[in-house]
N, C-alpha and C. Protein backbone atom coordinates (compact mmCIF):
# COMPACT_ATOMS: atom_id res chain seq x y z
N MET A 1 40.39 45.25 -30.91
CA MET A 1 40.19 43.84 -31.17
C MET A 1 40.46 43.55 -32.66
N ALA A 2 41.09 42.42 -32.87
CA ALA A 2 41.39 42.03 -34.25
C ALA A 2 40.10 41.62 -34.96
N PRO A 3 39.89 42.12 -36.16
CA PRO A 3 38.73 41.68 -36.93
C PRO A 3 38.84 40.17 -37.20
N PRO A 4 37.72 39.45 -37.18
CA PRO A 4 37.76 38.00 -37.37
C PRO A 4 38.49 37.55 -38.63
N ASP A 5 38.32 38.27 -39.73
CA ASP A 5 38.99 37.86 -40.97
C ASP A 5 40.50 38.05 -40.87
N GLU A 6 40.94 39.09 -40.18
CA GLU A 6 42.37 39.32 -39.99
C GLU A 6 42.98 38.26 -39.07
N LEU A 7 42.25 37.89 -38.03
CA LEU A 7 42.70 36.84 -37.12
C LEU A 7 42.77 35.50 -37.85
N ALA A 8 41.76 35.20 -38.65
CA ALA A 8 41.74 33.94 -39.40
C ALA A 8 42.91 33.87 -40.39
N ALA A 9 43.19 34.97 -41.06
CA ALA A 9 44.30 34.99 -42.02
C ALA A 9 45.64 34.80 -41.31
N ALA A 10 45.81 35.45 -40.17
CA ALA A 10 47.06 35.29 -39.42
C ALA A 10 47.18 33.87 -38.89
N ALA A 11 46.09 33.30 -38.40
CA ALA A 11 46.12 31.93 -37.89
C ALA A 11 46.49 30.95 -38.99
N ALA A 12 46.00 31.19 -40.19
CA ALA A 12 46.32 30.32 -41.31
C ALA A 12 47.80 30.42 -41.71
N SER A 13 48.40 31.57 -41.42
CA SER A 13 49.80 31.79 -41.77
C SER A 13 50.78 31.29 -40.72
N GLY A 14 50.33 31.12 -39.48
CA GLY A 14 51.20 30.56 -38.45
C GLY A 14 51.58 31.54 -37.36
N SER A 15 52.47 31.07 -36.50
CA SER A 15 52.79 31.82 -35.28
C SER A 15 53.46 33.17 -35.54
N GLU A 16 54.27 33.27 -36.59
CA GLU A 16 54.92 34.55 -36.87
C GLU A 16 53.89 35.63 -37.20
N ALA A 17 52.92 35.28 -38.02
CA ALA A 17 51.86 36.23 -38.37
C ALA A 17 51.02 36.57 -37.14
N LEU A 18 50.77 35.58 -36.30
CA LEU A 18 50.00 35.83 -35.08
C LEU A 18 50.78 36.71 -34.10
N ALA A 19 52.09 36.51 -34.03
CA ALA A 19 52.92 37.36 -33.17
C ALA A 19 52.86 38.81 -33.63
N GLU A 20 52.83 39.02 -34.93
CA GLU A 20 52.69 40.38 -35.47
C GLU A 20 51.32 40.95 -35.10
N LEU A 21 50.31 40.11 -35.14
CA LEU A 21 48.96 40.55 -34.78
C LEU A 21 48.88 40.91 -33.30
N VAL A 22 49.62 40.20 -32.46
CA VAL A 22 49.68 40.54 -31.03
C VAL A 22 50.24 41.94 -30.85
N LYS A 23 51.25 42.28 -31.65
CA LYS A 23 51.82 43.63 -31.57
C LYS A 23 50.79 44.69 -31.99
N LYS A 24 50.00 44.34 -32.98
CA LYS A 24 49.00 45.27 -33.50
C LYS A 24 47.80 45.41 -32.55
N TYR A 25 47.43 44.29 -31.92
CA TYR A 25 46.28 44.26 -31.00
C TYR A 25 46.72 43.67 -29.66
N PRO A 26 47.52 44.41 -28.89
CA PRO A 26 48.11 43.84 -27.68
C PRO A 26 47.10 43.49 -26.58
N ASN A 27 45.92 44.04 -26.64
CA ASN A 27 44.92 43.76 -25.61
C ASN A 27 43.84 42.78 -26.05
N ASP A 28 44.07 42.10 -27.17
CA ASP A 28 43.10 41.14 -27.68
C ASP A 28 43.50 39.74 -27.23
N ALA A 29 42.80 39.22 -26.26
CA ALA A 29 43.11 37.90 -25.70
C ALA A 29 42.92 36.79 -26.73
N LYS A 30 41.98 36.96 -27.64
CA LYS A 30 41.74 35.91 -28.64
C LYS A 30 42.94 35.72 -29.57
N VAL A 31 43.64 36.80 -29.85
CA VAL A 31 44.85 36.70 -30.68
C VAL A 31 45.90 35.89 -29.92
N ARG A 32 46.00 36.13 -28.63
CA ARG A 32 46.99 35.41 -27.82
C ARG A 32 46.63 33.92 -27.68
N ILE A 33 45.34 33.61 -27.63
CA ILE A 33 44.93 32.21 -27.60
C ILE A 33 45.32 31.54 -28.92
N ALA A 34 45.05 32.21 -30.02
CA ALA A 34 45.41 31.66 -31.33
C ALA A 34 46.93 31.46 -31.43
N LEU A 35 47.69 32.43 -30.93
CA LEU A 35 49.14 32.31 -30.94
C LEU A 35 49.58 31.13 -30.09
N GLY A 36 49.00 30.97 -28.92
CA GLY A 36 49.33 29.83 -28.06
C GLY A 36 49.05 28.51 -28.74
N GLY A 37 47.92 28.42 -29.42
CA GLY A 37 47.59 27.19 -30.15
C GLY A 37 48.58 26.90 -31.26
N ALA A 38 48.99 27.95 -31.97
CA ALA A 38 49.97 27.77 -33.05
C ALA A 38 51.33 27.35 -32.48
N GLU A 39 51.71 27.95 -31.36
CA GLU A 39 52.99 27.60 -30.74
C GLU A 39 52.98 26.15 -30.24
N LEU A 40 51.87 25.75 -29.70
CA LEU A 40 51.75 24.36 -29.24
C LEU A 40 51.84 23.40 -30.43
N ALA A 41 51.17 23.75 -31.52
CA ALA A 41 51.21 22.92 -32.72
C ALA A 41 52.62 22.84 -33.30
N GLN A 42 53.40 23.90 -33.10
CA GLN A 42 54.77 23.93 -33.60
C GLN A 42 55.76 23.37 -32.58
N LYS A 43 55.25 22.67 -31.60
CA LYS A 43 56.08 22.01 -30.58
C LYS A 43 56.91 23.00 -29.76
N ASP A 44 56.28 24.13 -29.42
CA ASP A 44 56.92 25.11 -28.56
C ASP A 44 56.00 25.37 -27.35
N PRO A 45 55.88 24.37 -26.46
CA PRO A 45 54.92 24.48 -25.37
C PRO A 45 55.25 25.57 -24.36
N GLU A 46 56.51 25.91 -24.20
CA GLU A 46 56.87 26.97 -23.26
C GLU A 46 56.29 28.31 -23.71
N ARG A 47 56.46 28.61 -24.97
CA ARG A 47 55.89 29.85 -25.50
C ARG A 47 54.37 29.80 -25.50
N ALA A 48 53.83 28.63 -25.79
CA ALA A 48 52.37 28.49 -25.79
C ALA A 48 51.79 28.82 -24.42
N VAL A 49 52.41 28.29 -23.38
CA VAL A 49 51.92 28.56 -22.03
C VAL A 49 52.04 30.05 -21.71
N ALA A 50 53.13 30.68 -22.13
CA ALA A 50 53.29 32.12 -21.90
C ALA A 50 52.19 32.91 -22.62
N SER A 51 51.88 32.53 -23.84
CA SER A 51 50.82 33.22 -24.59
C SER A 51 49.46 33.03 -23.93
N LEU A 52 49.21 31.82 -23.44
CA LEU A 52 47.94 31.55 -22.78
C LEU A 52 47.86 32.29 -21.45
N SER A 53 48.98 32.39 -20.77
CA SER A 53 49.02 33.16 -19.52
C SER A 53 48.68 34.62 -19.79
N ASP A 54 49.23 35.16 -20.87
CA ASP A 54 48.93 36.54 -21.26
C ASP A 54 47.44 36.71 -21.56
N ALA A 55 46.86 35.73 -22.25
CA ALA A 55 45.43 35.79 -22.58
C ALA A 55 44.59 35.79 -21.31
N LEU A 56 44.94 34.93 -20.36
CA LEU A 56 44.20 34.86 -19.10
C LEU A 56 44.35 36.15 -18.30
N ALA A 57 45.51 36.78 -18.38
CA ALA A 57 45.71 38.05 -17.68
C ALA A 57 44.83 39.14 -18.28
N LEU A 58 44.65 39.09 -19.59
CA LEU A 58 43.81 40.08 -20.26
C LEU A 58 42.32 39.85 -20.00
N ASP A 59 41.94 38.58 -19.91
CA ASP A 59 40.53 38.24 -19.73
C ASP A 59 40.39 37.00 -18.85
N PRO A 60 40.25 37.20 -17.53
CA PRO A 60 40.15 36.07 -16.61
C PRO A 60 38.98 35.12 -16.91
N GLU A 61 37.96 35.61 -17.60
CA GLU A 61 36.82 34.74 -17.94
C GLU A 61 37.21 33.62 -18.90
N LEU A 62 38.37 33.76 -19.52
CA LEU A 62 38.84 32.72 -20.45
C LEU A 62 39.23 31.44 -19.73
N ARG A 63 39.21 31.44 -18.41
CA ARG A 63 39.50 30.20 -17.67
C ARG A 63 38.51 29.10 -18.05
N ASN A 64 37.39 29.47 -18.63
CA ASN A 64 36.39 28.48 -19.05
C ASN A 64 36.53 28.10 -20.52
N ASP A 65 37.53 28.64 -21.19
CA ASP A 65 37.72 28.38 -22.62
C ASP A 65 38.25 26.96 -22.84
N ALA A 66 37.58 26.20 -23.65
CA ALA A 66 37.96 24.81 -23.90
C ALA A 66 39.32 24.70 -24.59
N GLN A 67 39.64 25.63 -25.47
CA GLN A 67 40.93 25.59 -26.17
C GLN A 67 42.08 25.79 -25.18
N ILE A 68 41.92 26.72 -24.25
CA ILE A 68 42.96 26.94 -23.24
C ILE A 68 43.08 25.71 -22.35
N ALA A 69 41.95 25.17 -21.92
CA ALA A 69 41.98 23.98 -21.06
C ALA A 69 42.71 22.83 -21.74
N SER A 70 42.40 22.60 -22.99
CA SER A 70 43.03 21.51 -23.74
C SER A 70 44.54 21.76 -23.90
N ALA A 71 44.90 22.99 -24.22
CA ALA A 71 46.32 23.32 -24.40
C ALA A 71 47.09 23.14 -23.09
N LEU A 72 46.50 23.54 -21.98
CA LEU A 72 47.19 23.39 -20.70
C LEU A 72 47.28 21.93 -20.28
N TRP A 73 46.28 21.15 -20.62
CA TRP A 73 46.33 19.71 -20.36
C TRP A 73 47.54 19.09 -21.06
N MET A 74 47.73 19.46 -22.33
CA MET A 74 48.87 18.94 -23.08
C MET A 74 50.19 19.51 -22.57
N ALA A 75 50.22 20.81 -22.31
CA ALA A 75 51.46 21.46 -21.87
C ALA A 75 51.90 20.94 -20.50
N ALA A 76 50.95 20.58 -19.66
CA ALA A 76 51.29 20.06 -18.33
C ALA A 76 52.03 18.72 -18.44
N GLN A 77 51.86 18.04 -19.54
CA GLN A 77 52.49 16.73 -19.71
C GLN A 77 53.81 16.81 -20.47
N ASN A 78 54.24 18.01 -20.82
CA ASN A 78 55.50 18.21 -21.51
C ASN A 78 56.55 18.65 -20.50
N LYS A 79 57.70 18.01 -20.51
CA LYS A 79 58.74 18.31 -19.52
C LYS A 79 59.13 19.79 -19.52
N LYS A 80 59.17 20.41 -20.68
CA LYS A 80 59.61 21.80 -20.79
C LYS A 80 58.59 22.80 -20.24
N SER A 81 57.32 22.45 -20.30
CA SER A 81 56.29 23.43 -19.94
C SER A 81 55.42 23.00 -18.77
N SER A 82 55.70 21.85 -18.20
CA SER A 82 54.84 21.30 -17.16
C SER A 82 54.67 22.25 -15.97
N ALA A 83 55.76 22.75 -15.43
CA ALA A 83 55.67 23.60 -14.23
C ALA A 83 54.85 24.86 -14.50
N ALA A 84 55.08 25.51 -15.63
CA ALA A 84 54.35 26.73 -15.96
C ALA A 84 52.87 26.44 -16.19
N ALA A 85 52.58 25.32 -16.84
CA ALA A 85 51.18 24.95 -17.09
C ALA A 85 50.47 24.65 -15.77
N ILE A 86 51.13 23.92 -14.90
CA ILE A 86 50.52 23.59 -13.61
C ILE A 86 50.30 24.86 -12.79
N ASP A 87 51.21 25.82 -12.88
CA ASP A 87 51.00 27.10 -12.19
C ASP A 87 49.74 27.80 -12.68
N LEU A 88 49.51 27.77 -13.98
CA LEU A 88 48.27 28.37 -14.51
C LEU A 88 47.05 27.59 -14.06
N LEU A 89 47.17 26.27 -14.04
CA LEU A 89 46.03 25.45 -13.64
C LEU A 89 45.65 25.70 -12.19
N LYS A 90 46.63 25.90 -11.34
CA LYS A 90 46.31 26.10 -9.93
C LYS A 90 46.04 27.57 -9.59
N GLY A 91 46.26 28.45 -10.54
CA GLY A 91 46.03 29.87 -10.31
C GLY A 91 44.88 30.41 -11.13
N PRO A 92 45.19 31.07 -12.25
CA PRO A 92 44.16 31.76 -13.02
C PRO A 92 43.04 30.88 -13.58
N MET A 93 43.29 29.58 -13.69
CA MET A 93 42.25 28.71 -14.26
C MET A 93 41.15 28.36 -13.26
N GLY A 94 41.33 28.69 -11.99
CA GLY A 94 40.27 28.52 -11.00
C GLY A 94 39.77 27.08 -10.90
N ASP A 95 38.46 26.94 -10.79
CA ASP A 95 37.84 25.62 -10.64
C ASP A 95 38.12 24.72 -11.83
N ARG A 96 38.17 25.30 -13.02
CA ARG A 96 38.47 24.51 -14.22
C ARG A 96 39.88 23.93 -14.11
N GLY A 97 40.81 24.72 -13.60
CA GLY A 97 42.17 24.24 -13.41
C GLY A 97 42.24 23.11 -12.40
N VAL A 98 41.48 23.23 -11.32
CA VAL A 98 41.44 22.17 -10.32
C VAL A 98 40.93 20.88 -10.95
N ALA A 99 39.90 20.98 -11.76
CA ALA A 99 39.36 19.79 -12.42
C ALA A 99 40.40 19.15 -13.35
N ILE A 100 41.17 19.98 -14.05
CA ILE A 100 42.20 19.45 -14.94
C ILE A 100 43.32 18.81 -14.13
N LEU A 101 43.70 19.44 -13.03
CA LEU A 101 44.72 18.83 -12.16
C LEU A 101 44.27 17.47 -11.67
N LYS A 102 43.00 17.36 -11.27
CA LYS A 102 42.47 16.06 -10.83
C LYS A 102 42.50 15.04 -11.97
N ASP A 103 42.19 15.50 -13.17
CA ASP A 103 42.27 14.60 -14.33
C ASP A 103 43.70 14.13 -14.57
N LEU A 104 44.66 15.04 -14.40
CA LEU A 104 46.07 14.65 -14.58
C LEU A 104 46.47 13.59 -13.56
N VAL A 105 45.97 13.71 -12.35
CA VAL A 105 46.28 12.73 -11.30
C VAL A 105 45.65 11.38 -11.61
N ASN A 106 44.44 11.39 -12.14
CA ASN A 106 43.64 10.17 -12.27
C ASN A 106 43.64 9.51 -13.64
N THR A 107 44.21 10.13 -14.63
CA THR A 107 44.15 9.59 -15.99
C THR A 107 45.30 8.61 -16.24
N PRO A 108 44.97 7.38 -16.64
CA PRO A 108 46.02 6.43 -16.97
C PRO A 108 46.87 6.96 -18.13
N GLY A 109 48.17 6.68 -18.07
CA GLY A 109 49.06 7.09 -19.15
C GLY A 109 49.77 8.41 -18.89
N VAL A 110 49.28 9.19 -17.91
CA VAL A 110 49.98 10.42 -17.56
C VAL A 110 51.22 10.02 -16.78
N ARG A 111 52.37 10.60 -17.15
CA ARG A 111 53.64 10.25 -16.52
C ARG A 111 53.60 10.50 -15.01
N ASP A 112 54.29 9.66 -14.25
CA ASP A 112 54.30 9.76 -12.80
C ASP A 112 54.76 11.12 -12.28
N PRO A 113 55.83 11.72 -12.85
CA PRO A 113 56.23 13.05 -12.34
C PRO A 113 55.12 14.10 -12.51
N VAL A 114 54.36 14.01 -13.58
CA VAL A 114 53.26 14.95 -13.80
C VAL A 114 52.17 14.71 -12.77
N LYS A 115 51.86 13.44 -12.54
CA LYS A 115 50.86 13.12 -11.52
C LYS A 115 51.29 13.65 -10.15
N LYS A 116 52.57 13.48 -9.83
CA LYS A 116 53.10 13.95 -8.56
C LYS A 116 52.96 15.47 -8.43
N ASP A 117 53.34 16.19 -9.49
CA ASP A 117 53.25 17.65 -9.47
C ASP A 117 51.80 18.13 -9.39
N ALA A 118 50.91 17.46 -10.11
CA ALA A 118 49.49 17.81 -10.07
C ALA A 118 48.92 17.54 -8.67
N ARG A 119 49.31 16.42 -8.10
CA ARG A 119 48.87 16.07 -6.74
C ARG A 119 49.35 17.13 -5.74
N ALA A 120 50.60 17.55 -5.87
CA ALA A 120 51.17 18.58 -4.99
C ALA A 120 50.42 19.90 -5.15
N ALA A 121 50.09 20.25 -6.39
CA ALA A 121 49.34 21.49 -6.64
C ALA A 121 47.97 21.43 -5.98
N LEU A 122 47.31 20.29 -6.10
CA LEU A 122 46.00 20.14 -5.47
C LEU A 122 46.10 20.26 -3.96
N THR A 123 47.14 19.67 -3.38
CA THR A 123 47.34 19.75 -1.94
C THR A 123 47.56 21.21 -1.52
N GLN A 124 48.35 21.96 -2.31
CA GLN A 124 48.56 23.38 -2.02
C GLN A 124 47.25 24.15 -2.03
N LEU A 125 46.35 23.74 -2.88
CA LEU A 125 45.07 24.41 -3.01
C LEU A 125 44.05 23.95 -1.98
N GLY A 126 44.44 22.97 -1.19
CA GLY A 126 43.52 22.43 -0.18
C GLY A 126 42.54 21.42 -0.73
N ASN A 127 42.84 20.86 -1.88
CA ASN A 127 42.01 19.82 -2.49
C ASN A 127 42.67 18.49 -2.29
N LYS A 128 41.89 17.52 -1.90
CA LYS A 128 42.46 16.17 -1.74
C LYS A 128 42.38 15.45 -3.06
N PRO A 129 43.55 15.13 -3.62
CA PRO A 129 43.53 14.34 -4.86
C PRO A 129 43.11 12.91 -4.55
N LYS A 130 42.43 12.30 -5.50
CA LYS A 130 42.00 10.91 -5.33
C LYS A 130 43.08 9.99 -5.79
């Protein structure tokens, strides 16, 4: 696991430093969450979703992490990363993912194609979207 001070220093330096930290600590899900956040901030939602997927694979309990939930909410609304984000929401994110999918369906301002995809994901899961 990356020491907190090393993780903080890499996070302050950006995604390249965090990517190096992932190489150094490949089994540290927190490093991958930080990398995903940095990638999202740098307008690279596809990579962000991949990093978050890796974090969830390392630690399934992270499905309850607010930072991951928020990042997937945003990534689901981006054309480049929507499908991958919705796949995570309907899979590894469990009940939290279902709740986010329902929010995507019901929140004003969410683009219609995203609402449609979220609705379809809920139907696949056996949940009736409102």
